[in-house]
N, C-alpha and C. Protein backbone atom coordinates (compact mmCIF):
# COMPACT_ATOMS: atom_id res chain seq x y z
N MET A 1 -20.73 3.52 4.31
CA MET A 1 -21.82 3.77 3.18
C MET A 1 -21.88 5.28 3.19
N LEU A 2 -22.27 5.64 1.90
CA LEU A 2 -22.40 6.73 1.46
C LEU A 2 -23.74 7.06 1.48
N HIS A 3 -24.17 8.12 2.33
CA HIS A 3 -25.45 8.73 2.50
C HIS A 3 -25.55 10.29 1.64
N PRO A 4 -26.32 10.77 1.09
CA PRO A 4 -27.34 10.09 0.29
C PRO A 4 -26.17 8.67 -0.91
N SER A 5 -26.92 8.01 -1.22
CA SER A 5 -26.46 6.70 -2.14
C SER A 5 -26.42 7.42 -3.66
N TYR A 6 -25.35 6.60 -4.30
CA TYR A 6 -25.18 7.18 -5.57
C TYR A 6 -26.18 7.41 -6.62
N THR A 7 -27.41 6.58 -6.57
CA THR A 7 -28.31 6.65 -7.02
C THR A 7 -29.11 8.33 -6.92
N ASP A 8 -29.21 8.35 -5.52
CA ASP A 8 -29.94 9.44 -5.26
C ASP A 8 -29.22 10.97 -5.66
N LEU A 9 -28.07 11.01 -5.43
CA LEU A 9 -27.05 11.68 -5.87
C LEU A 9 -27.15 12.06 -7.65
N MET A 10 -27.00 10.75 -8.32
CA MET A 10 -27.52 11.19 -9.76
C MET A 10 -28.72 11.54 -10.20
N LYS A 11 -29.67 11.26 -9.48
CA LYS A 11 -30.91 11.94 -9.70
C LYS A 11 -30.84 13.18 -9.46
N GLU A 12 -30.45 13.94 -8.22
CA GLU A 12 -30.22 15.33 -8.07
C GLU A 12 -29.57 15.98 -8.99
N VAL A 13 -28.33 15.48 -9.39
CA VAL A 13 -27.59 15.93 -10.18
C VAL A 13 -28.38 16.04 -11.78
N ASN A 14 -29.15 15.22 -12.31
CA ASN A 14 -29.84 15.12 -13.54
C ASN A 14 -31.16 15.39 -13.16
N LYS A 15 -31.39 16.36 -12.31
CA LYS A 15 -32.81 16.65 -12.18
C LYS A 15 -33.20 17.56 -13.29
N GLY A 16 -32.45 18.44 -13.95
CA GLY A 16 -32.41 19.63 -14.65
C GLY A 16 -32.56 18.95 -16.05
N ALA A 17 -32.08 17.74 -16.43
CA ALA A 17 -32.44 17.28 -17.70
C ALA A 17 -33.63 16.80 -17.61
N GLU A 18 -34.29 17.31 -19.34
CA GLU A 18 -35.65 16.97 -19.44
C GLU A 18 -35.62 15.54 -20.09
N ASP A 19 -36.68 14.86 -20.32
CA ASP A 19 -36.82 13.38 -20.80
C ASP A 19 -36.57 13.45 -22.37
N GLY A 20 -35.58 12.83 -22.81
CA GLY A 20 -34.80 12.49 -23.81
C GLY A 20 -33.55 13.57 -24.32
N GLU A 21 -33.40 14.33 -23.06
CA GLU A 21 -31.99 15.09 -23.11
C GLU A 21 -31.19 14.09 -22.46
N THR A 22 -29.71 14.50 -22.92
CA THR A 22 -28.21 13.52 -22.32
C THR A 22 -28.35 13.93 -20.90
N ARG A 23 -28.10 13.08 -20.11
CA ARG A 23 -28.11 13.27 -18.65
C ARG A 23 -26.56 13.75 -18.19
N VAL A 24 -26.63 14.58 -17.47
CA VAL A 24 -25.40 15.32 -17.31
C VAL A 24 -24.43 13.96 -16.28
N VAL A 25 -25.12 13.59 -15.57
CA VAL A 25 -23.88 12.09 -15.09
C VAL A 25 -24.67 10.92 -15.45
N SER A 26 -24.03 9.96 -15.84
CA SER A 26 -24.46 8.65 -16.45
C SER A 26 -23.71 7.57 -15.54
N SER A 27 -22.74 7.62 -14.43
CA SER A 27 -21.84 6.86 -14.05
C SER A 27 -21.54 7.10 -12.63
N ARG A 28 -20.94 6.43 -11.65
CA ARG A 28 -20.49 6.37 -10.24
C ARG A 28 -19.23 7.31 -10.58
N TYR A 29 -18.72 7.13 -11.45
CA TYR A 29 -17.18 7.57 -11.30
C TYR A 29 -17.40 9.16 -11.64
N SER A 30 -18.35 9.86 -12.38
CA SER A 30 -18.60 11.09 -12.28
C SER A 30 -18.78 11.68 -11.34
N ILE A 31 -19.80 11.02 -10.30
CA ILE A 31 -20.16 11.86 -8.81
C ILE A 31 -18.65 11.11 -8.05
N VAL A 32 -18.09 10.41 -8.06
CA VAL A 32 -16.69 10.55 -7.39
C VAL A 32 -15.66 11.23 -7.72
N MET A 33 -15.44 11.72 -9.10
CA MET A 33 -14.47 12.74 -9.42
C MET A 33 -14.94 13.77 -9.40
N ALA A 34 -16.37 14.39 -9.29
CA ALA A 34 -16.83 15.59 -8.89
C ALA A 34 -16.76 15.82 -7.20
N THR A 35 -16.99 15.00 -6.69
CA THR A 35 -16.86 15.22 -5.11
C THR A 35 -15.45 15.13 -5.02
N SER A 36 -14.62 14.46 -5.40
CA SER A 36 -13.24 14.44 -4.81
C SER A 36 -12.63 15.76 -5.00
N LYS A 37 -13.03 16.38 -6.30
CA LYS A 37 -12.41 17.57 -6.61
C LYS A 37 -12.86 18.54 -5.91
N ARG A 38 -14.15 18.68 -5.53
CA ARG A 38 -14.40 19.82 -4.64
C ARG A 38 -14.06 19.38 -3.05
N ALA A 39 -13.78 18.21 -2.70
CA ALA A 39 -13.30 17.94 -1.57
C ALA A 39 -11.52 18.70 -1.43
N ARG A 40 -11.08 18.28 -2.48
CA ARG A 40 -9.99 18.82 -2.43
C ARG A 40 -9.70 20.30 -2.54
N GLN A 41 -10.69 21.09 -2.89
CA GLN A 41 -10.99 22.47 -2.93
C GLN A 41 -11.22 23.05 -1.57
N LEU A 42 -12.04 22.12 -0.53
CA LEU A 42 -12.04 22.81 0.76
C LEU A 42 -10.97 22.36 1.57
N ILE A 43 -10.30 21.30 1.25
CA ILE A 43 -8.87 20.93 1.78
C ILE A 43 -7.89 22.08 1.97
N ASP A 44 -8.00 23.17 0.50
CA ASP A 44 -6.93 23.94 0.42
C ASP A 44 -7.41 25.31 0.37
N GLY A 45 -8.56 25.37 1.37
CA GLY A 45 -9.11 26.51 1.93
C GLY A 45 -10.36 26.79 1.49
N ALA A 46 -11.32 26.81 0.38
CA ALA A 46 -12.49 27.04 -0.16
C ALA A 46 -13.44 27.04 1.26
N LEU A 47 -14.12 28.01 1.04
CA LEU A 47 -15.33 27.69 2.07
C LEU A 47 -16.63 26.72 1.68
N PRO A 48 -17.13 26.04 2.59
CA PRO A 48 -18.15 25.34 2.15
C PRO A 48 -19.56 26.02 2.20
N LEU A 49 -20.17 25.62 1.12
CA LEU A 49 -21.61 26.08 0.44
C LEU A 49 -22.64 25.80 1.41
N VAL A 50 -22.55 24.76 2.13
CA VAL A 50 -23.56 24.34 3.13
C VAL A 50 -23.09 24.21 4.75
N ASP A 51 -24.15 24.63 5.47
CA ASP A 51 -23.55 24.35 6.87
C ASP A 51 -22.96 23.13 7.20
N THR A 52 -22.21 23.30 8.25
CA THR A 52 -21.09 22.04 8.37
C THR A 52 -20.99 22.06 10.38
N LYS A 53 -20.93 20.59 10.61
CA LYS A 53 -20.70 20.53 11.92
C LYS A 53 -18.89 20.48 12.07
N PRO A 54 -18.62 20.85 13.48
CA PRO A 54 -17.24 20.34 13.73
C PRO A 54 -16.99 18.77 13.28
N GLY A 55 -15.81 18.40 13.13
CA GLY A 55 -15.34 17.27 12.23
C GLY A 55 -16.01 16.78 11.34
N ASP A 56 -16.84 17.71 10.53
CA ASP A 56 -17.27 17.03 9.16
C ASP A 56 -15.87 16.92 8.15
N LYS A 57 -15.91 16.03 7.34
CA LYS A 57 -14.96 15.92 6.70
C LYS A 57 -14.76 16.30 4.89
N PRO A 58 -13.97 16.85 4.76
CA PRO A 58 -14.31 17.49 3.15
C PRO A 58 -15.16 16.72 2.44
N LEU A 59 -14.72 15.46 2.13
CA LEU A 59 -15.79 14.36 1.35
C LEU A 59 -16.91 14.50 1.61
N SER A 60 -17.41 14.40 2.98
CA SER A 60 -18.91 14.47 3.57
C SER A 60 -19.43 15.79 3.17
N ILE A 61 -18.71 16.92 3.05
CA ILE A 61 -18.95 18.21 2.87
C ILE A 61 -19.53 18.63 1.42
N ALA A 62 -18.39 17.93 0.47
CA ALA A 62 -18.48 17.79 -1.10
C ALA A 62 -19.82 17.34 -1.21
N VAL A 63 -20.25 16.16 -0.69
CA VAL A 63 -21.32 15.22 -1.15
C VAL A 63 -22.66 15.79 -0.82
N ASP A 64 -22.54 16.58 0.25
CA ASP A 64 -23.75 17.58 0.78
C ASP A 64 -23.83 18.86 -0.06
N GLU A 65 -22.81 19.28 -0.51
CA GLU A 65 -23.03 20.45 -1.48
C GLU A 65 -23.75 19.68 -2.80
N LEU A 66 -23.25 18.65 -3.33
CA LEU A 66 -23.55 18.26 -4.42
C LEU A 66 -25.16 17.68 -4.15
N ASN A 67 -25.86 17.03 -3.22
CA ASN A 67 -26.76 16.75 -2.93
C ASN A 67 -27.96 18.00 -2.74
N SER A 68 -27.59 19.14 -1.89
CA SER A 68 -28.29 20.16 -1.94
C SER A 68 -28.39 21.16 -3.34
N GLY A 69 -27.57 20.80 -3.82
CA GLY A 69 -27.45 21.31 -5.48
C GLY A 69 -26.76 22.84 -5.53
N LYS A 70 -26.03 22.76 -4.47
CA LYS A 70 -24.75 23.80 -4.46
C LYS A 70 -23.71 23.94 -5.32
N ILE A 71 -23.35 22.65 -5.72
CA ILE A 71 -22.67 22.60 -6.76
C ILE A 71 -23.06 22.02 -7.64
N THR A 72 -22.65 22.13 -8.86
CA THR A 72 -23.21 20.95 -10.35
C THR A 72 -21.98 20.55 -10.80
N ILE A 73 -21.89 19.67 -11.58
CA ILE A 73 -21.15 18.78 -12.42
C ILE A 73 -21.32 19.27 -14.19
N ILE A 74 -20.52 19.85 -14.81
CA ILE A 74 -20.48 20.58 -15.94
C ILE A 74 -20.11 19.17 -16.55
N GLY A 75 -20.64 18.85 -17.91
CA GLY A 75 -20.44 18.20 -18.91
C GLY A 75 -18.86 18.52 -19.58
N GLU A 76 -18.63 17.49 -20.36
CA GLU A 76 -17.10 17.64 -20.98
C GLU A 76 -17.55 18.63 -22.16
N GLU A 77 -18.52 18.72 -23.15
CA GLU A 77 -18.78 19.50 -24.10
C GLU A 77 -19.00 20.99 -23.54
N GLU A 78 -19.75 21.25 -22.36
CA GLU A 78 -19.52 22.46 -21.78
C GLU A 78 -18.24 22.99 -21.36
N ASP A 79 -17.39 22.02 -20.94
CA ASP A 79 -16.13 22.50 -20.52
C ASP A 79 -15.02 22.61 -21.53
N ALA A 80 -15.26 22.29 -22.38
CA ALA A 80 -14.25 22.52 -23.54
C ALA A 80 -14.34 23.82 -24.21
N GLU A 81 -15.32 24.65 -23.94
CA GLU A 81 -15.53 26.29 -24.67
C GLU A 81 -14.40 26.86 -24.22
């Protein structure tokens, strides 16, 4: 089981969006893609942005980074520039 839950992660990622604005993340797929991409970066040697314990797996670290606001998900419109 994933802790925090998908809904908690979605709330964290979207907390900057004001009422009426388009949310950055509207599906679990976006959360999965963002954390898997970050986990691959960690596997390839990127340094973690949160405190880790020996034995923490890259995906768990990526989820912690997303939940603590250390990484953000950029919407497609912003990424296209």
